[in-house]
PDB file of N, CA and C in Angstrom:
ATOM      1  N   MET A   1      32.862  -8.836 -15.438  1.00  0.00           N
ATOM      2  CA  MET A   1      33.208  -9.928 -14.551  1.00  0.00           C
ATOM      3  C   MET A   1      32.833 -11.247 -15.224  1.00  0.00           C
ATOM      4  N   LYS A   2      33.718 -12.190 -15.171  1.00  0.00           N
ATOM      5  CA  LYS A   2      33.498 -13.483 -15.806  1.00  0.00           C
ATOM      6  C   LYS A   2      32.758 -14.412 -14.858  1.00  0.00           C
ATOM      7  N   ALA A   3      31.928 -15.280 -15.432  1.00  0.00           N
ATOM      8  CA  ALA A   3      31.218 -16.277 -14.632  1.00  0.00           C
ATOM      9  C   ALA A   3      32.174 -17.417 -14.315  1.00  0.00           C
ATOM     10  N   VAL A   4      32.158 -17.886 -13.077  1.00  0.00           N
ATOM     11  CA  VAL A   4      33.025 -18.978 -12.647  1.00  0.00           C
ATOM     12  C   VAL A   4      32.216 -20.266 -12.705  1.00  0.00           C
ATOM     13  N   TYR A   5      32.765 -21.295 -13.382  1.00  0.00           N
ATOM     14  CA  TYR A   5      32.067 -22.555 -13.574  1.00  0.00           C
ATOM     15  C   TYR A   5      32.569 -23.659 -12.661  1.00  0.00           C
ATOM     16  N   GLY A   6      33.425 -23.328 -11.712  1.00  0.00           N
ATOM     17  CA  GLY A   6      33.936 -24.312 -10.776  1.00  0.00           C
ATOM     18  C   GLY A   6      35.383 -24.006 -10.444  1.00  0.00           C
ATOM     19  N   SER A   7      36.039 -24.959  -9.770  1.00  0.00           N
ATOM     20  CA  SER A   7      37.452 -24.782  -9.458  1.00  0.00           C
ATOM     21  C   SER A   7      38.219 -26.007  -9.927  1.00  0.00           C
ATOM     22  N   TRP A   8      39.450 -25.790 -10.341  1.00  0.00           N
ATOM     23  CA  TRP A   8      40.300 -26.849 -10.858  1.00  0.00           C
ATOM     24  C   TRP A   8      41.060 -27.489  -9.713  1.00  0.00           C
ATOM     25  N   LYS A   9      41.813 -28.536 -10.000  1.00  0.00           N
ATOM     26  CA  LYS A   9      42.541 -29.301  -8.978  1.00  0.00           C
ATOM     27  C   LYS A   9      43.499 -28.429  -8.175  1.00  0.00           C
ATOM     28  N   ASP A  10      44.118 -27.456  -8.824  1.00  0.00           N
ATOM     29  CA  ASP A  10      45.072 -26.596  -8.127  1.00  0.00           C
ATOM     30  C   ASP A  10      44.402 -25.417  -7.427  1.00  0.00           C
ATOM     31  N   GLY A  11      43.088 -25.318  -7.503  1.00  0.00           N
ATOM     32  CA  GLY A  11      42.360 -24.258  -6.813  1.00  0.00           C
ATOM     33  C   GLY A  11      42.027 -23.063  -7.674  1.00  0.00           C
ATOM     34  N   SER A  12      42.462 -23.052  -8.926  1.00  0.00           N
ATOM     35  CA  SER A  12      42.156 -21.913  -9.793  1.00  0.00           C
ATOM     36  C   SER A  12      40.725 -22.021 -10.322  1.00  0.00           C
ATOM     37  N   ASP A  13      40.159 -20.884 -10.674  1.00  0.00           N
ATOM     38  CA  ASP A  13      38.785 -20.835 -11.150  1.00  0.00           C
ATOM     39  C   ASP A  13      38.705 -21.272 -12.607  1.00  0.00           C
ATOM     40  N   ILE A  14      37.549 -21.841 -12.981  1.00  0.00           N
ATOM     41  CA  ILE A  14      37.308 -22.277 -14.354  1.00  0.00           C
ATOM     42  C   ILE A  14      36.341 -21.296 -14.999  1.00  0.00           C
ATOM     43  N   TYR A  15      36.713 -20.813 -16.188  1.00  0.00           N
ATOM     44  CA  TYR A  15      35.896 -19.874 -16.952  1.00  0.00           C
ATOM     45  C   TYR A  15      35.500 -20.521 -18.265  1.00  0.00           C
ATOM     46  N   LYS A  16      34.617 -19.847 -19.007  1.00  0.00           N
ATOM     47  CA  LYS A  16      34.161 -20.384 -20.280  1.00  0.00           C
ATOM     48  C   LYS A  16      34.105 -19.273 -21.316  1.00  0.00           C
ATOM     49  N   ASN A  17      34.536 -19.605 -22.552  1.00  0.00           N
ATOM     50  CA  ASN A  17      34.323 -18.723 -23.692  1.00  0.00           C
ATOM     51  C   ASN A  17      33.861 -19.592 -24.850  1.00  0.00           C
ATOM     52  N   LYS A  18      33.828 -19.044 -26.056  1.00  0.00           N
ATOM     53  CA  LYS A  18      33.278 -19.813 -27.168  1.00  0.00           C
ATOM     54  C   LYS A  18      34.151 -20.999 -27.561  1.00  0.00           C
ATOM     55  N   LYS A  19      35.436 -21.002 -27.183  1.00  0.00           N
ATOM     56  CA  LYS A  19      36.305 -22.141 -27.477  1.00  0.00           C
ATOM     57  C   LYS A  19      36.135 -23.283 -26.484  1.00  0.00           C
ATOM     58  N   GLY A  20      35.711 -22.976 -25.272  1.00  0.00           N
ATOM     59  CA  GLY A  20      35.523 -24.024 -24.269  1.00  0.00           C
ATOM     60  C   GLY A  20      35.860 -23.521 -22.879  1.00  0.00           C
ATOM     61  N   PHE A  21      36.054 -24.466 -21.961  1.00  0.00           N
ATOM     62  CA  PHE A  21      36.374 -24.140 -20.585  1.00  0.00           C
ATOM     63  C   PHE A  21      37.888 -23.969 -20.448  1.00  0.00           C
ATOM     64  N   PHE A  22      38.310 -22.999 -19.621  1.00  0.00           N
ATOM     65  CA  PHE A  22      39.737 -22.747 -19.457  1.00  0.00           C
ATOM     66  C   PHE A  22      40.040 -22.240 -18.062  1.00  0.00           C
ATOM     67  N   ILE A  23      41.319 -22.349 -17.680  1.00  0.00           N
ATOM     68  CA  ILE A  23      41.818 -21.751 -16.453  1.00  0.00           C
ATOM     69  C   ILE A  23      42.938 -20.792 -16.853  1.00  0.00           C
ATOM     70  N   ILE A  24      43.197 -19.824 -16.005  1.00  0.00           N
ATOM     71  CA  ILE A  24      44.255 -18.859 -16.273  1.00  0.00           C
ATOM     72  C   ILE A  24      45.477 -19.270 -15.459  1.00  0.00           C
ATOM     73  N   GLN A  25      46.597 -19.471 -16.148  1.00  0.00           N
ATOM     74  CA  GLN A  25      47.824 -19.870 -15.481  1.00  0.00           C
ATOM     75  C   GLN A  25      48.921 -18.853 -15.740  1.00  0.00           C
ATOM     76  N   TRP A  26      49.979 -18.932 -14.939  1.00  0.00           N
ATOM     77  CA  TRP A  26      51.105 -18.016 -15.020  1.00  0.00           C
ATOM     78  C   TRP A  26      52.297 -18.732 -15.627  1.00  0.00           C
ATOM     79  N   ASN A  27      52.937 -18.107 -16.607  1.00  0.00           N
ATOM     80  CA  ASN A  27      54.144 -18.642 -17.214  1.00  0.00           C
ATOM     81  C   ASN A  27      55.339 -17.893 -16.622  1.00  0.00           C
ATOM     82  N   PRO A  28      56.174 -18.553 -15.818  1.00  0.00           N
ATOM     83  CA  PRO A  28      57.278 -17.837 -15.167  1.00  0.00           C
ATOM     84  C   PRO A  28      58.383 -17.402 -16.129  1.00  0.00           C
ATOM     85  N   HIS A  29      58.534 -18.072 -17.269  1.00  0.00           N
ATOM     86  CA  HIS A  29      59.587 -17.711 -18.213  1.00  0.00           C
ATOM     87  C   HIS A  29      59.265 -16.399 -18.938  1.00  0.00           C
ATOM     88  N   THR A  30      58.040 -16.264 -19.419  1.00  0.00           N
ATOM     89  CA  THR A  30      57.659 -15.042 -20.128  1.00  0.00           C
ATOM     90  C   THR A  30      57.006 -14.014 -19.212  1.00  0.00           C
ATOM     91  N   LYS A  31      56.691 -14.434 -17.995  1.00  0.00           N
ATOM     92  CA  LYS A  31      56.042 -13.581 -16.986  1.00  0.00           C
ATOM     93  C   LYS A  31      54.718 -13.021 -17.502  1.00  0.00           C
ATOM     94  N   ASN A  32      53.931 -13.891 -18.114  1.00  0.00           N
ATOM     95  CA  ASN A  32      52.610 -13.528 -18.622  1.00  0.00           C
ATOM     96  C   ASN A  32      51.592 -14.576 -18.204  1.00  0.00           C
ATOM     97  N   GLU A  33      50.341 -14.162 -18.220  1.00  0.00           N
ATOM     98  CA  GLU A  33      49.247 -15.110 -17.992  1.00  0.00           C
ATOM     99  C   GLU A  33      48.823 -15.697 -19.328  1.00  0.00           C
ATOM    100  N   TYR A  34      48.345 -16.940 -19.299  1.00  0.00           N
ATOM    101  CA  TYR A  34      47.806 -17.561 -20.502  1.00  0.00           C
ATOM    102  C   TYR A  34      46.622 -18.430 -20.125  1.00  0.00           C
ATOM    103  N   LYS A  35      45.804 -18.742 -21.122  1.00  0.00           N
ATOM    104  CA  LYS A  35      44.619 -19.572 -20.907  1.00  0.00           C
ATOM    105  C   LYS A  35      44.966 -21.021 -21.223  1.00  0.00           C
ATOM    106  N   LYS A  36      44.712 -21.901 -20.276  1.00  0.00           N
ATOM    107  CA  LYS A  36      44.905 -23.327 -20.509  1.00  0.00           C
ATOM    108  C   LYS A  36      43.515 -23.941 -20.652  1.00  0.00           C
ATOM    109  N   TYR A  37      43.221 -24.451 -21.858  1.00  0.00           N
ATOM    110  CA  TYR A  37      41.910 -25.018 -22.124  1.00  0.00           C
ATOM    111  C   TYR A  37      41.830 -26.440 -21.591  1.00  0.00           C
ATOM    112  N   LEU A  38      40.670 -26.787 -21.032  1.00  0.00           N
ATOM    113  CA  LEU A  38      40.464 -28.084 -20.407  1.00  0.00           C
ATOM    114  C   LEU A  38      39.652 -28.961 -21.342  1.00  0.00           C
ATOM    115  N   ARG A  39      40.255 -30.004 -21.832  1.00  0.00           N
ATOM    116  CA  ARG A  39      39.546 -30.913 -22.742  1.00  0.00           C
ATOM    117  C   ARG A  39      38.671 -31.859 -21.938  1.00  0.00           C
ATOM    118  N   GLY A  40      37.450 -32.017 -22.380  1.00  0.00           N
ATOM    119  CA  GLY A  40      36.540 -32.966 -21.759  1.00  0.00           C
ATOM    120  C   GLY A  40      35.980 -32.531 -20.423  1.00  0.00           C
ATOM    121  N   TYR A  41      36.155 -31.280 -20.023  1.00  0.00           N
ATOM    122  CA  TYR A  41      35.612 -30.817 -18.751  1.00  0.00           C
ATOM    123  C   TYR A  41      34.134 -30.508 -18.908  1.00  0.00           C
ATOM    124  N   LYS A  42      33.344 -31.007 -17.974  1.00  0.00           N
ATOM    125  CA  LYS A  42      31.922 -30.682 -17.930  1.00  0.00           C
ATOM    126  C   LYS A  42      31.607 -30.198 -16.527  1.00  0.00           C
ATOM    127  N   PRO A  43      30.931 -29.073 -16.405  1.00  0.00           N
ATOM    128  CA  PRO A  43      30.609 -28.570 -15.071  1.00  0.00           C
ATOM    129  C   PRO A  43      29.647 -29.503 -14.359  1.00  0.00           C
ATOM    130  N   THR A  44      29.719 -29.529 -13.024  1.00  0.00           N
ATOM    131  CA  THR A  44      28.878 -30.431 -12.250  1.00  0.00           C
ATOM    132  C   THR A  44      27.423 -30.013 -12.281  1.00  0.00           C
ATOM    133  N   GLY A  45      27.158 -28.735 -12.286  1.00  0.00           N
ATOM    134  CA  GLY A  45      25.783 -28.260 -12.334  1.00  0.00           C
ATOM    135  C   GLY A  45      25.728 -26.885 -12.969  1.00  0.00           C
ATOM    136  N   PRO A  46      24.663 -26.579 -13.708  1.00  0.00           N
ATOM    137  CA  PRO A  46      24.584 -25.263 -14.343  1.00  0.00           C
ATOM    138  C   PRO A  46      24.310 -24.170 -13.318  1.00  0.00           C
ATOM    139  N   ASN A  47      24.874 -23.012 -13.553  1.00  0.00           N
ATOM    140  CA  ASN A  47      24.595 -21.895 -12.667  1.00  0.00           C
ATOM    141  C   ASN A  47      23.280 -21.248 -13.082  1.00  0.00           C
ATOM    142  N   GLU A  48      22.903 -20.202 -12.418  1.00  0.00           N
ATOM    143  CA  GLU A  48      21.600 -19.575 -12.662  1.00  0.00           C
ATOM    144  C   GLU A  48      21.480 -19.025 -14.079  1.00  0.00           C
ATOM    145  N   LEU A  49      22.538 -18.452 -14.603  1.00  0.00           N
ATOM    146  CA  LEU A  49      22.502 -17.899 -15.955  1.00  0.00           C
ATOM    147  C   LEU A  49      22.266 -19.004 -16.983  1.00  0.00           C
ATOM    148  N   GLU A  50      22.943 -20.122 -16.814  1.00  0.00           N
ATOM    149  CA  GLU A  50      22.767 -21.237 -17.742  1.00  0.00           C
ATOM    150  C   GLU A  50      21.339 -21.783 -17.684  1.00  0.00           C
ATOM    151  N   LYS A  51      20.738 -21.821 -16.515  1.00  0.00           N
ATOM    152  CA  LYS A  51      19.353 -22.280 -16.387  1.00  0.00           C
ATOM    153  C   LYS A  51      18.411 -21.365 -17.155  1.00  0.00           C
ATOM    154  N   GLU A  52      18.627 -20.061 -17.032  1.00  0.00           N
ATOM    155  CA  GLU A  52      17.778 -19.112 -17.750  1.00  0.00           C
ATOM    156  C   GLU A  52      17.950 -19.245 -19.254  1.00  0.00           C
ATOM    157  N   LEU A  53      19.179 -19.427 -19.707  1.00  0.00           N
ATOM    158  CA  LEU A  53      19.428 -19.601 -21.131  1.00  0.00           C
ATOM    159  C   LEU A  53      18.789 -20.877 -21.656  1.00  0.00           C
ATOM    160  N   ALA A  54      18.782 -21.929 -20.864  1.00  0.00           N
ATOM    161  CA  ALA A  54      18.157 -23.180 -21.282  1.00  0.00           C
ATOM    162  C   ALA A  54      16.660 -22.998 -21.469  1.00  0.00           C
ATOM    163  N   VAL A  55      16.022 -22.237 -20.595  1.00  0.00           N
ATOM    164  CA  VAL A  55      14.583 -21.978 -20.709  1.00  0.00           C
ATOM    165  C   VAL A  55      14.306 -21.179 -21.974  1.00  0.00           C
ATOM    166  N   ILE A  56      15.135 -20.184 -22.253  1.00  0.00           N
ATOM    167  CA  ILE A  56      14.951 -19.367 -23.454  1.00  0.00           C
ATOM    168  C   ILE A  56      15.130 -20.222 -24.705  1.00  0.00           C
ATOM    169  N   ARG A  57      16.132 -21.104 -24.706  1.00  0.00           N
ATOM    170  CA  ARG A  57      16.352 -21.977 -25.864  1.00  0.00           C
ATOM    171  C   ARG A  57      15.159 -22.889 -26.103  1.00  0.00           C
ATOM    172  N   ARG A  58      14.601 -23.425 -25.019  1.00  0.00           N
ATOM    173  CA  ARG A  58      13.429 -24.301 -25.171  1.00  0.00           C
ATOM    174  C   ARG A  58      12.260 -23.542 -25.782  1.00  0.00           C
ATOM    175  N   ARG A  59      12.056 -22.296 -25.366  1.00  0.00           N
ATOM    176  CA  ARG A  59      10.954 -21.498 -25.908  1.00  0.00           C
ATOM    177  C   ARG A  59      11.148 -21.253 -27.400  1.00  0.00           C
ATOM    178  N   THR A  60      12.364 -20.925 -27.801  1.00  0.00           N
ATOM    179  CA  THR A  60      12.593 -20.637 -29.213  1.00  0.00           C
ATOM    180  C   THR A  60      12.448 -21.890 -30.055  1.00  0.00           C
ATOM    181  N   ARG A  61      12.866 -23.042 -29.542  1.00  0.00           N
ATOM    182  CA  ARG A  61      12.696 -24.283 -30.293  1.00  0.00           C
ATOM    183  C   ARG A  61      11.225 -24.591 -30.514  1.00  0.00           C
ATOM    184  N   LYS A  62      10.410 -24.372 -29.498  1.00  0.00           N
ATOM    185  CA  LYS A  62       8.976 -24.633 -29.640  1.00  0.00           C
ATOM    186  C   LYS A  62       8.361 -23.699 -30.677  1.00  0.00           C
ATOM    187  N   ALA A  63       8.790 -22.451 -30.672  1.00  0.00           N
ATOM    188  CA  ALA A  63       8.248 -21.498 -31.634  1.00  0.00           C
ATOM    189  C   ALA A  63       8.610 -21.904 -33.058  1.00  0.00           C
ATOM    190  N   TYR A  64       9.831 -22.399 -33.260  1.00  0.00           N
ATOM    191  CA  TYR A  64      10.231 -22.827 -34.590  1.00  0.00           C
ATOM    192  C   TYR A  64       9.533 -24.108 -35.004  1.00  0.00           C
ATOM    193  N   SER A  65       9.264 -24.993 -34.057  1.00  0.00           N
ATOM    194  CA  SER A  65       8.667 -26.272 -34.410  1.00  0.00           C
ATOM    195  C   SER A  65       7.186 -26.137 -34.778  1.00  0.00           C
ATOM    196  N   LYS A  66       6.544 -25.041 -34.412  1.00  0.00           N
ATOM    197  CA  LYS A  66       5.132 -24.864 -34.728  1.00  0.00           C
ATOM    198  C   LYS A  66       4.900 -24.490 -36.195  1.00  0.00           C
ATOM    199  N   LYS A  67       5.937 -24.041 -36.866  1.00  0.00           N
ATOM    200  CA  LYS A  67       5.787 -23.694 -38.268  1.00  0.00           C
ATOM    201  C   LYS A  67       5.522 -24.951 -39.085  1.00  0.00           C
ATOM    202  N   ARG A  68       4.599 -24.858 -40.018  1.00  0.00           N
ATOM    203  CA  ARG A  68       4.295 -26.005 -40.863  1.00  0.00           C
ATOM    204  C   ARG A  68       5.009 -25.860 -42.184  1.00  0.00           C
ATOM    205  N   ARG A  69       5.518 -26.938 -42.639  1.00  0.00           N
ATOM    206  CA  ARG A  69       6.153 -26.925 -43.959  1.00  0.00           C
ATOM    207  C   ARG A  69       5.119 -27.211 -45.017  1.00  0.00           C
ATOM    208  N   THR A  70       5.209 -26.504 -46.073  1.00  0.00           N
ATOM    209  CA  THR A  70       4.293 -26.759 -47.174  1.00  0.00           C
ATOM    210  C   THR A  70       5.069 -27.421 -48.292  1.00  0.00           C
ATOM    211  N   THR A  71       4.449 -28.349 -48.930  1.00  0.00           N
ATOM    212  CA  THR A  71       5.125 -29.038 -50.040  1.00  0.00           C
ATOM    213  C   THR A  71       4.813 -28.320 -51.345  1.00  0.00           C
ATOM    214  N   LYS A  72       5.637 -28.545 -52.300  1.00  0.00           N
ATOM    215  CA  LYS A  72       5.462 -27.917 -53.596  1.00  0.00           C
ATOM    216  C   LYS A  72       4.283 -28.519 -54.352  1.00  0.00           C
ATOM    217  N   TYR A  73       4.135 -29.825 -54.195  1.00  0.00           N
ATOM    218  CA  TYR A  73       3.086 -30.534 -54.915  1.00  0.00           C
ATOM    219  C   TYR A  73       2.076 -31.104 -53.926  1.00  0.00           C
ATOM    220  N   ARG A  74       0.837 -31.052 -54.297  1.00  0.00           N
ATOM    221  CA  ARG A  74      -0.206 -31.654 -53.450  1.00  0.00           C
ATOM    222  C   ARG A  74      -0.523 -33.042 -54.015  1.00  0.00           C
ATOM    223  N   HIS A  75      -0.641 -33.973 -53.136  1.00  0.00           N
ATOM    224  CA  HIS A  75      -0.903 -35.354 -53.568  1.00  0.00           C
ATOM    225  C   HIS A  75      -2.350 -35.673 -53.613  1.00  0.00           C
TER     226      HIS A  75
END
């Protein structure tokens, strides 16, 4: 099941993949569904999954920032 990130002007649901946010539309000529990508769309608020991922990202950044770099030469 895909996570829904909101609804578009026509009432269709907005989904997300690695390319960006998209809606699924129907093409009457070919009688197939296709993904219409939305340029510049930003969701109004993150859902619960996004909040959890943000917390995990913050933890990993802190862990990486604690590493000290050593220089080749001592001054």
